[in-house]
Amino acid sequence: FGGGINTPTLKRVQEMGLTFNHFHVTAVCSPTRAALLTGRNHHRVGMGGIAEFPGPFPGYTGQLPKSCAPFPRILKENGYVTGGFGKWHLTAGHAFGPAGPFETWPLSWGFDHFWGFLSGAAGQYDPVITQDNTIIGVPEGEDGELYYFPDDLTDKSIEWLHGVQAQDPHKPWFLYYSTGCSHAPHHVAKEWADKYKGKFDDGWDAYRERAFKNAKEKGWIPADAQLTPRHPKMPSWESIPENERPFQRRLMEVFAGFAEHVDAQVGRVVDEIERLGYGENTLVAYIWGDNGSSAEGQAGTISELLAQNGIPSTVDQHIKALEELGGLDALGTPLTDNMYHGAWAWAGSTPYQGTKLLASHFGGTRNPLVVRWPAKIKADRTPRPQFHHVNDIVPTIYEVLGINPPRVVNGITQDSIDGVSMAYSFADPKAKGQLLTQYFEIMGSRSIY
């Protein structure tokens, strides 16, 4: 869509389906996931903030109300087998232990099987893995190779698909595939990062101009769109000292390699769906990100948790420490928890001025969505410009599958669904948008459409 990172699977799914260029998330992880899996606004389902920090206020409890049965459970009760894989981030911090309580773990949300990590972030080489309601621990690599979560995540998802087909090839299934990319730490093998050597040498200002131009040429943004100015507190590339620039460039190269690698893993899943004979009649919704690009790396870091814990440090200190770990080649390895400069995030949100954690100005909320269903949706390269939100995915799936969401679940009257089905736009790119109002709020940052 105009950016400088190669994502062939995203492009492939796009060419076989539809794209939405006014699609929105909440600007942070847990709230987006809660909205995605329930079809409701994130405050309605208790996830006004991230799961680790629930509060004593309505909308911020971190607890899913019984009046808001999640989508996987409704699918399961309609004959589907449901599998969740990857990052979860909907479990309260106090419930991470082996004894639970388990009401915020994936199986309580309607998944028959879950494999992945419960937390909001994990090292890609050493995540703490949970399977169903059991903590497995940190996996180890085989035959002297480093363990790497994205590869294993994809293997486990494919194994599950094989098991589902072997048991009953006609049984419908739902696969929730949720990677840890491109959340920090940005971990990826050197050969993937090296694909981008020199690609970002001219810095974030020039990259932003280039992405803006490319996005217009591809029709992703309007021809008369204007590029928002750099915020006065956001440093220009020219203001970065020459001795710091190799560090800042390499951080972006690692991020780009990380993103391309995970797109390749999505490609493996799509390949296997097709190989198993499910390709024609599988609805694929590929959402790039659960928030916008993250500026949490601030001035660029080899340890993002320093910033998150309020421990001051300088770029020179990071570079000096990095030299003791092997230099720039240590970025992306298990030795660092690297995260790029906030200005790269700003450039990654082109043409908007916001980033992750900002519920306004679109940079943190507007993400690409690609939908493919060969049996039912005719491919069309024209972007769908209708304004939509992540909580619209569930009512869309309910409509196209002919499922009426239950009014009562386990004796509890259900709250209404906040989302609006997007199915009306599938056949008509010029259809009038049906989502007329949507609010955004994260940590006091707020806006309304």
Protein backbone atom coordinates (compact mmCIF):
# COMPACT_ATOMS: atom_id res chain seq x y z
CA PHE A 1 0.00 0.00 0.00
CA GLY A 2 2.96 2.33 -0.52
CA GLY A 3 5.27 1.40 2.35
CA GLY A 4 8.80 0.12 1.97
CA ILE A 5 8.37 -3.36 3.49
CA ASN A 6 7.76 -6.39 1.30
CA THR A 7 4.54 -8.24 2.21
CA PRO A 8 3.77 -10.66 -0.63
CA THR A 9 1.07 -12.55 1.29
CA LEU A 10 -0.84 -9.36 2.05
CA LYS A 11 -0.61 -8.47 -1.63
CA ARG A 12 -1.67 -11.97 -2.70
CA VAL A 13 -4.74 -11.96 -0.45
CA GLN A 14 -5.55 -8.44 -1.66
CA GLU A 15 -5.43 -9.50 -5.31
CA MET A 16 -7.85 -12.34 -4.61
CA GLY A 17 -10.26 -10.24 -2.56
CA LEU A 18 -11.04 -6.75 -1.27
CA THR A 19 -9.20 -4.06 0.67
CA PHE A 20 -10.52 -1.50 3.14
CA ASN A 21 -8.57 1.74 3.47
CA HIS A 22 -10.76 3.38 6.12
CA PHE A 23 -10.62 0.50 8.60
CA HIS A 24 -9.89 1.23 12.25
CA VAL A 25 -8.63 -0.38 15.43
CA THR A 26 -8.53 1.09 18.94
CA ALA A 27 -4.83 2.11 19.00
CA VAL A 28 -3.69 -0.46 21.57
CA CYS A 29 -3.54 -4.25 21.86
CA SER A 30 -6.02 -5.60 24.43
CA PRO A 31 -8.91 -3.26 23.53
CA THR A 32 -8.61 -4.08 19.82
CA ARG A 33 -8.60 -7.82 20.49
CA ALA A 34 -11.60 -7.55 22.81
CA ALA A 35 -13.55 -5.60 20.17
CA LEU A 36 -12.48 -8.01 17.43
CA LEU A 37 -13.63 -11.12 19.31
CA THR A 38 -16.93 -9.72 20.62
CA GLY A 39 -18.22 -7.24 18.02
CA ARG A 40 -18.62 -4.67 20.78
CA ASN A 41 -16.85 -1.48 21.78
CA HIS A 42 -13.90 -2.18 24.05
CA HIS A 43 -15.30 -0.37 27.09
CA ARG A 44 -18.52 -2.36 26.89
CA VAL A 45 -16.46 -5.54 27.35
CA GLY A 46 -14.34 -4.15 30.19
CA MET A 47 -11.20 -3.57 28.13
CA GLY A 48 -10.79 0.21 28.11
CA GLY A 49 -7.07 -0.32 28.71
CA ILE A 50 -4.62 -3.19 28.49
CA ALA A 51 -5.38 -6.38 30.38
CA GLU A 52 -2.44 -6.09 32.79
CA PHE A 53 -3.82 -2.91 34.38
CA PRO A 54 -7.51 -3.37 35.21
CA GLY A 55 -9.11 -0.64 37.29
CA PRO A 56 -12.15 -0.20 39.55
CA PHE A 57 -14.09 1.79 36.95
CA PRO A 58 -16.82 0.65 34.54
CA GLY A 59 -15.29 -0.17 31.18
CA TYR A 60 -11.79 -0.73 32.61
CA THR A 61 -12.25 -3.85 34.74
CA GLY A 62 -10.40 -6.23 32.42
CA GLN A 63 -13.27 -8.69 32.85
CA LEU A 64 -15.55 -9.78 30.01
CA PRO A 65 -19.19 -9.34 31.16
CA LYS A 66 -21.38 -12.44 30.94
CA SER A 67 -23.79 -10.27 28.93
CA CYS A 68 -21.26 -10.12 26.07
CA ALA A 69 -20.66 -13.69 24.91
CA PRO A 70 -17.58 -13.72 22.65
CA PHE A 71 -17.71 -14.63 19.00
CA PRO A 72 -15.70 -17.93 19.21
CA ARG A 73 -18.21 -19.29 21.69
CA ILE A 74 -21.15 -18.44 19.42
CA LEU A 75 -19.38 -20.08 16.49
CA LYS A 76 -18.75 -23.19 18.57
CA GLU A 77 -22.42 -23.40 19.49
CA ASN A 78 -23.20 -23.20 15.77
CA GLY A 79 -21.14 -26.28 14.97
CA TYR A 80 -17.67 -24.83 14.46
CA VAL A 81 -14.43 -26.11 15.97
CA THR A 82 -12.37 -23.15 17.20
CA GLY A 83 -8.60 -22.79 17.57
CA GLY A 84 -6.63 -19.82 18.87
CA PHE A 85 -2.89 -19.45 18.30
CA GLY A 86 -0.32 -16.80 19.17
CA LYS A 87 -0.58 -13.67 21.26
CA TRP A 88 -3.62 -13.43 23.56
CA HIS A 89 -3.33 -10.33 25.79
CA LEU A 90 -6.81 -10.55 27.27
CA THR A 91 -5.87 -12.16 30.59
CA ALA A 92 -5.51 -10.03 33.71
CA GLY A 93 -1.97 -9.94 35.12
CA HIS A 94 -3.00 -11.52 38.42
CA ALA A 95 -4.38 -14.57 36.56
CA PHE A 96 -1.20 -15.60 34.73
CA GLY A 97 -0.35 -18.35 37.21
CA PRO A 98 -0.83 -22.10 36.72
CA ALA A 99 -3.87 -22.05 39.03
CA GLY A 100 -5.66 -19.34 37.06
CA PRO A 101 -8.35 -18.20 37.65
CA PHE A 102 -9.15 -19.17 34.08
CA GLU A 103 -12.18 -17.04 33.24
CA THR A 104 -10.00 -14.63 31.23
CA TRP A 105 -7.98 -17.38 29.48
CA PRO A 106 -8.75 -18.27 25.86
CA LEU A 107 -10.81 -21.41 26.47
CA SER A 108 -13.26 -19.36 28.52
CA TRP A 109 -13.76 -17.17 25.44
CA GLY A 110 -14.97 -20.15 23.42
CA PHE A 111 -11.81 -21.67 21.98
CA ASP A 112 -11.63 -25.46 21.88
CA HIS A 113 -7.85 -25.23 21.83
CA PHE A 114 -5.27 -22.51 22.45
CA TRP A 115 -1.50 -22.41 22.03
CA GLY A 116 0.53 -19.25 22.47
CA PHE A 117 1.43 -16.67 25.11
CA LEU A 118 -0.99 -14.85 27.40
CA SER A 119 0.97 -11.64 27.88
CA GLY A 120 1.02 -8.47 25.83
CA ALA A 121 4.58 -8.99 24.63
CA ALA A 122 7.13 -11.77 24.60
CA GLY A 123 10.61 -12.38 23.33
CA GLN A 124 10.34 -14.26 20.05
CA TYR A 125 13.14 -16.58 21.18
CA ASP A 126 11.93 -17.23 24.75
CA PRO A 127 8.15 -16.79 25.18
CA VAL A 128 6.33 -18.45 28.06
CA ILE A 129 3.96 -20.78 26.24
CA THR A 130 0.45 -21.68 27.42
CA GLN A 131 -1.53 -24.55 25.98
CA ASP A 132 -5.23 -24.62 26.80
CA ASN A 133 -5.32 -24.08 30.59
CA THR A 134 -1.74 -25.20 31.24
CA ILE A 135 1.49 -23.22 31.31
CA ILE A 136 4.04 -25.18 29.28
CA GLY A 137 7.01 -22.86 29.88
CA VAL A 138 9.80 -21.60 27.63
CA PRO A 139 10.48 -23.91 24.65
CA GLU A 140 13.98 -24.84 23.55
CA GLY A 141 15.33 -25.12 20.03
CA GLU A 142 16.20 -28.44 18.45
CA ASP A 143 19.47 -29.69 16.92
CA GLY A 144 21.39 -26.70 18.18
CA GLU A 145 19.04 -24.21 16.51
CA LEU A 146 17.52 -21.24 18.32
CA TYR A 147 13.84 -21.57 19.14
CA TYR A 148 11.79 -19.00 17.21
CA PHE A 149 8.15 -18.36 18.06
CA PRO A 150 6.74 -17.24 14.66
CA ASP A 151 7.91 -20.48 13.02
CA ASP A 152 6.51 -22.64 15.81
CA LEU A 153 3.25 -20.67 15.90
CA THR A 154 2.74 -21.42 12.22
CA ASP A 155 3.66 -25.08 12.63
CA LYS A 156 1.18 -25.48 15.49
CA SER A 157 -1.61 -23.75 13.53
CA ILE A 158 -1.04 -26.02 10.52
CA GLU A 159 -0.91 -29.13 12.74
CA TRP A 160 -4.27 -28.13 14.20
CA LEU A 161 -5.79 -27.72 10.74
CA HIS A 162 -4.56 -31.20 9.82
CA GLY A 163 -6.12 -32.62 12.97
CA VAL A 164 -9.45 -30.92 12.28
CA GLN A 165 -9.57 -32.29 8.75
CA ALA A 166 -8.51 -35.77 9.80
CA GLN A 167 -11.32 -35.97 12.35
CA ASP A 168 -14.04 -34.55 10.11
CA PRO A 169 -13.17 -32.95 6.73
CA HIS A 170 -16.63 -31.37 6.50
CA LYS A 171 -16.71 -29.74 9.93
CA PRO A 172 -16.44 -25.93 9.73
CA TRP A 173 -13.60 -24.33 11.65
CA PHE A 174 -12.40 -20.95 12.89
CA LEU A 175 -8.68 -20.25 13.18
CA TYR A 176 -7.53 -17.19 15.13
CA TYR A 177 -3.90 -16.65 14.11
CA SER A 178 -2.34 -13.81 16.07
CA THR A 179 1.38 -13.15 15.82
CA GLY A 180 3.66 -11.33 18.24
CA CYS A 181 4.88 -9.21 15.33
CA SER A 182 5.49 -6.39 15.00
CA HIS A 183 5.24 -5.67 18.70
CA ALA A 184 8.52 -5.13 20.49
CA PRO A 185 10.95 -6.68 20.93
CA HIS A 186 11.76 -6.77 17.22
CA HIS A 187 13.38 -10.18 16.95
CA VAL A 188 14.34 -11.75 13.63
CA ALA A 189 17.26 -13.60 12.08
CA LYS A 190 20.01 -11.48 10.53
CA GLU A 191 19.32 -12.64 6.97
CA TRP A 192 15.81 -11.17 7.10
CA ALA A 193 17.00 -7.82 8.44
CA ASP A 194 19.82 -7.77 5.90
CA LYS A 195 17.26 -7.73 3.08
CA TYR A 196 16.74 -4.07 3.98
CA LYS A 197 20.34 -2.94 4.19
CA GLY A 198 20.53 0.55 2.75
CA LYS A 199 16.76 0.83 2.22
CA PHE A 200 16.34 3.40 4.98
CA ASP A 201 19.70 5.16 4.85
CA ASP A 202 18.13 8.52 4.00
CA GLY A 203 16.11 8.56 7.24
CA TRP A 204 12.50 8.81 8.32
CA ASP A 205 11.65 12.17 6.74
CA ALA A 206 12.64 10.96 3.25
CA TYR A 207 11.00 7.57 3.84
CA ARG A 208 7.77 9.30 4.81
CA GLU A 209 7.76 11.41 1.65
CA ARG A 210 8.43 8.30 -0.43
CA ALA A 211 5.66 6.26 1.22
CA PHE A 212 3.23 9.15 0.78
CA LYS A 213 4.00 9.39 -2.95
CA ASN A 214 3.73 5.61 -3.43
CA ALA A 215 0.42 5.41 -1.53
CA LYS A 216 -1.07 8.01 -3.86
CA GLU A 217 0.19 6.20 -6.94
CA LYS A 218 -1.39 2.96 -5.72
CA GLY A 219 -4.72 4.65 -5.02
CA TRP A 220 -4.48 3.80 -1.34
CA ILE A 221 -4.95 7.44 -0.33
CA PRO A 222 -6.69 10.15 -2.40
CA ALA A 223 -4.71 12.04 -5.02
CA ASP A 224 -5.43 15.31 -3.19
CA ALA A 225 -4.39 14.01 0.25
CA GLN A 226 -2.02 16.23 2.21
CA LEU A 227 0.92 15.05 4.30
CA THR A 228 0.63 16.12 7.92
CA PRO A 229 3.62 18.09 9.23
CA ARG A 230 6.20 16.68 11.63
CA HIS A 231 5.39 17.58 15.23
CA PRO A 232 7.79 20.22 16.63
CA LYS A 233 8.98 17.75 19.30
CA MET A 234 9.63 14.98 16.76
CA PRO A 235 13.29 15.17 15.69
CA SER A 236 14.15 15.44 12.03
CA TRP A 237 16.58 12.95 10.53
CA GLU A 238 18.99 15.81 9.87
CA SER A 239 19.09 16.55 13.61
CA ILE A 240 20.32 13.03 14.44
CA PRO A 241 24.11 13.03 15.04
CA GLU A 242 26.04 11.19 12.34
CA ASN A 243 27.49 8.68 14.82
CA GLU A 244 23.96 7.62 15.87
CA ARG A 245 22.55 7.12 12.38
CA PRO A 246 23.84 3.57 11.74
CA PHE A 247 22.11 2.47 14.97
CA GLN A 248 18.84 4.13 13.99
CA ARG A 249 18.96 2.69 10.46
CA ARG A 250 19.61 -0.83 11.69
CA LEU A 251 16.69 -0.66 14.13
CA MET A 252 14.40 0.04 11.18
CA GLU A 253 16.01 -2.68 9.04
CA VAL A 254 15.36 -5.22 11.80
CA PHE A 255 11.75 -4.06 12.13
CA ALA A 256 11.25 -4.41 8.38
CA GLY A 257 12.76 -7.90 8.29
CA PHE A 258 10.60 -8.92 11.25
CA ALA A 259 7.47 -7.73 9.43
CA GLU A 260 8.36 -9.45 6.15
CA HIS A 261 9.14 -12.71 7.95
CA VAL A 262 5.77 -12.81 9.69
CA ASP A 263 3.97 -12.09 6.42
CA ALA A 264 5.76 -15.14 5.03
CA GLN A 265 4.40 -17.19 7.95
CA VAL A 266 0.88 -16.02 7.16
CA GLY A 267 1.62 -17.20 3.64
CA ARG A 268 2.43 -20.67 4.96
CA VAL A 269 -0.97 -20.82 6.66
CA VAL A 270 -2.81 -19.65 3.53
CA ASP A 271 -0.84 -22.18 1.43
CA GLU A 272 -1.88 -25.00 3.73
CA ILE A 273 -5.53 -23.93 3.76
CA GLU A 274 -5.45 -24.16 -0.04
CA ARG A 275 -3.50 -27.43 -0.08
CA LEU A 276 -6.06 -29.05 2.22
CA GLY A 277 -8.84 -28.08 -0.19
CA TYR A 278 -10.34 -25.33 1.97
CA GLY A 279 -9.14 -22.36 -0.07
CA GLU A 280 -12.23 -21.66 -2.15
CA ASN A 281 -14.65 -21.60 0.76
CA THR A 282 -12.53 -20.06 3.52
CA LEU A 283 -13.16 -16.46 4.52
CA VAL A 284 -9.81 -14.84 5.30
CA ALA A 285 -9.67 -11.50 7.13
CA TYR A 286 -6.06 -10.28 7.25
CA ILE A 287 -5.73 -7.29 9.59
CA TRP A 288 -2.28 -5.73 9.64
CA GLY A 289 -1.78 -4.77 13.28
CA ASP A 290 -4.00 -4.30 16.33
CA ASN A 291 -2.83 -0.70 16.58
CA GLY A 292 -0.73 1.70 14.59
CA SER A 293 3.06 1.85 14.56
CA SER A 294 4.51 2.13 18.06
CA ALA A 295 6.55 5.10 19.22
CA GLU A 296 7.26 3.43 22.57
CA GLY A 297 10.90 2.95 21.60
CA GLN A 298 11.22 6.73 22.02
CA ALA A 299 14.73 7.63 20.83
CA GLY A 300 15.61 4.05 19.86
CA THR A 301 16.53 1.37 22.38
CA ILE A 302 18.10 -2.02 22.92
CA SER A 303 15.82 -2.51 25.94
CA GLU A 304 12.30 -1.18 25.60
CA LEU A 305 11.49 -2.03 29.21
CA LEU A 306 13.89 0.68 30.39
CA ALA A 307 11.51 3.26 28.94
CA GLN A 308 8.38 1.46 30.11
CA ASN A 309 9.69 1.40 33.67
CA GLY A 310 10.69 5.05 33.61
CA ILE A 311 14.44 4.42 33.77
CA PRO A 312 16.20 7.23 31.89
CA SER A 313 18.91 6.35 29.38
CA THR A 314 20.64 7.93 26.40
CA VAL A 315 21.22 6.71 22.86
CA ASP A 316 24.96 6.82 23.51
CA GLN A 317 24.50 4.43 26.43
CA HIS A 318 22.54 2.04 24.23
CA ILE A 319 25.18 2.13 21.50
CA LYS A 320 27.97 1.59 24.03
CA ALA A 321 26.18 -1.38 25.61
CA LEU A 322 25.44 -2.76 22.15
CA GLU A 323 29.16 -2.72 21.27
CA GLU A 324 29.79 -5.09 24.18
CA LEU A 325 27.11 -7.45 22.77
CA GLY A 326 28.58 -7.64 19.27
CA GLY A 327 27.63 -4.36 17.64
CA LEU A 328 24.73 -3.70 15.27
CA ASP A 329 24.46 -7.39 14.35
CA ALA A 330 23.23 -8.08 17.90
CA LEU A 331 20.01 -6.17 17.15
CA GLY A 332 17.20 -8.66 16.51
CA THR A 333 18.96 -11.42 18.47
CA PRO A 334 18.12 -12.84 21.93
CA LEU A 335 20.73 -10.45 23.39
CA THR A 336 18.54 -7.37 22.95
CA ASP A 337 14.95 -6.21 23.38
CA ASN A 338 15.28 -3.65 20.62
CA MET A 339 12.66 -1.15 19.54
CA TYR A 340 13.06 1.52 16.87
CA HIS A 341 12.98 5.30 17.19
CA GLY A 342 9.53 6.85 17.58
CA ALA A 343 10.08 8.81 14.38
CA TRP A 344 10.15 5.55 12.39
CA ALA A 345 6.71 4.82 13.86
CA TRP A 346 5.54 8.27 12.82
CA ALA A 347 6.83 7.57 9.30
CA GLY A 348 5.15 4.17 9.34
CA SER A 349 1.80 5.86 9.95
CA THR A 350 2.11 8.05 6.83
CA PRO A 351 0.27 10.32 6.06
CA TYR A 352 -1.14 10.69 9.58
CA GLN A 353 0.50 12.33 12.56
CA GLY A 354 -0.53 9.89 15.28
CA THR A 355 0.94 6.57 16.44
CA LYS A 356 -0.03 3.71 18.75
CA LEU A 357 -1.65 4.84 22.04
CA LEU A 358 -3.21 7.90 20.38
CA ALA A 359 -6.94 7.44 19.81
CA SER A 360 -7.02 10.52 17.59
CA HIS A 361 -5.45 11.63 14.29
CA PHE A 362 -5.78 8.12 12.78
CA GLY A 363 -2.11 7.11 12.81
CA GLY A 364 -2.66 4.78 15.75
CA THR A 365 -6.08 3.59 14.66
CA ARG A 366 -6.11 3.18 10.89
CA ASN A 367 -4.83 -0.24 9.76
CA PRO A 368 -5.08 -2.14 6.46
CA LEU A 369 -7.75 -4.85 6.21
CA VAL A 370 -7.84 -7.38 3.38
CA VAL A 371 -10.75 -9.82 2.98
CA ARG A 372 -10.78 -12.87 0.71
CA TRP A 373 -13.49 -15.49 0.10
CA PRO A 374 -13.27 -16.80 -3.49
CA ALA A 375 -16.57 -18.72 -3.33
CA LYS A 376 -18.58 -15.69 -2.24
CA ILE A 377 -16.63 -12.46 -2.84
CA LYS A 378 -15.58 -11.27 -6.28
CA ALA A 379 -12.04 -9.89 -6.32
CA ASP A 380 -11.85 -6.13 -6.83
CA ARG A 381 -8.72 -3.99 -6.52
CA THR A 382 -10.76 -0.84 -5.80
CA PRO A 383 -10.23 0.03 -2.12
CA ARG A 384 -13.42 0.15 -0.06
CA PRO A 385 -13.53 3.69 1.38
CA GLN A 386 -16.36 3.12 3.87
CA PHE A 387 -15.46 4.02 7.46
CA HIS A 388 -15.33 0.84 9.57
CA HIS A 389 -14.06 -0.39 12.94
CA VAL A 390 -12.63 -3.63 14.25
CA ASN A 391 -15.88 -4.42 16.06
CA ASP A 392 -17.55 -4.66 12.63
CA ILE A 393 -15.80 -7.95 11.82
CA VAL A 394 -18.07 -10.09 14.01
CA PRO A 395 -21.43 -8.79 12.68
CA THR A 396 -20.03 -9.17 9.16
CA ILE A 397 -19.25 -12.84 9.75
CA TYR A 398 -22.60 -13.40 11.44
CA GLU A 399 -24.38 -11.95 8.41
CA VAL A 400 -22.48 -13.87 5.74
CA LEU A 401 -22.86 -17.14 7.69
CA GLY A 402 -26.52 -16.55 8.51
CA ILE A 403 -25.98 -16.67 12.27
CA ASN A 404 -28.34 -14.72 14.51
CA PRO A 405 -26.48 -13.77 17.69
CA PRO A 406 -28.36 -15.22 20.68
CA ARG A 407 -30.37 -12.94 22.90
CA VAL A 408 -29.72 -15.12 25.96
CA VAL A 409 -26.61 -17.17 26.82
CA ASN A 410 -26.55 -19.34 29.97
CA GLY A 411 -29.60 -17.49 31.22
CA ILE A 412 -27.93 -14.08 30.82
CA THR A 413 -29.57 -11.54 28.51
CA GLN A 414 -26.98 -10.38 26.01
CA ASP A 415 -25.96 -6.80 25.32
CA SER A 416 -26.45 -5.57 21.78
CA ILE A 417 -23.59 -5.75 19.31
CA ASP A 418 -22.04 -2.35 18.61
CA GLY A 419 -20.49 -3.21 15.26
CA VAL A 420 -22.07 -2.83 11.82
CA SER A 421 -21.78 -5.51 9.13
CA MET A 422 -19.49 -4.60 6.27
CA ALA A 423 -21.03 -7.14 3.88
CA TYR A 424 -23.00 -4.42 2.04
CA SER A 425 -19.70 -3.09 0.64
CA PHE A 426 -18.47 -6.41 -0.77
CA ALA A 427 -20.18 -6.02 -4.14
CA ASP A 428 -20.19 -2.22 -4.36
CA PRO A 429 -17.14 -0.04 -3.64
CA LYS A 430 -19.34 3.06 -3.86
CA ALA A 431 -21.96 1.87 -1.38
CA LYS A 432 -22.87 4.47 1.23
CA GLY A 433 -21.12 3.73 4.51
CA GLN A 434 -23.38 2.32 7.21
CA LEU A 435 -21.20 2.99 10.26
CA LEU A 436 -22.29 6.53 11.06
CA THR A 437 -20.74 7.06 14.49
CA GLN A 438 -17.71 5.57 16.23
CA TYR A 439 -15.80 6.77 19.27
CA PHE A 440 -12.16 6.15 20.22
CA GLU A 441 -10.62 6.39 23.70
CA ILE A 442 -7.34 5.10 25.08
CA MET A 443 -5.80 6.37 28.33
CA GLY A 444 -7.59 9.70 28.03
CA SER A 445 -6.72 10.22 24.36
CA ARG A 446 -10.05 10.39 22.55
CA SER A 447 -11.92 11.29 19.40
CA ILE A 448 -15.25 10.67 17.72
CA TYR A 449 -16.28 10.10 14.11
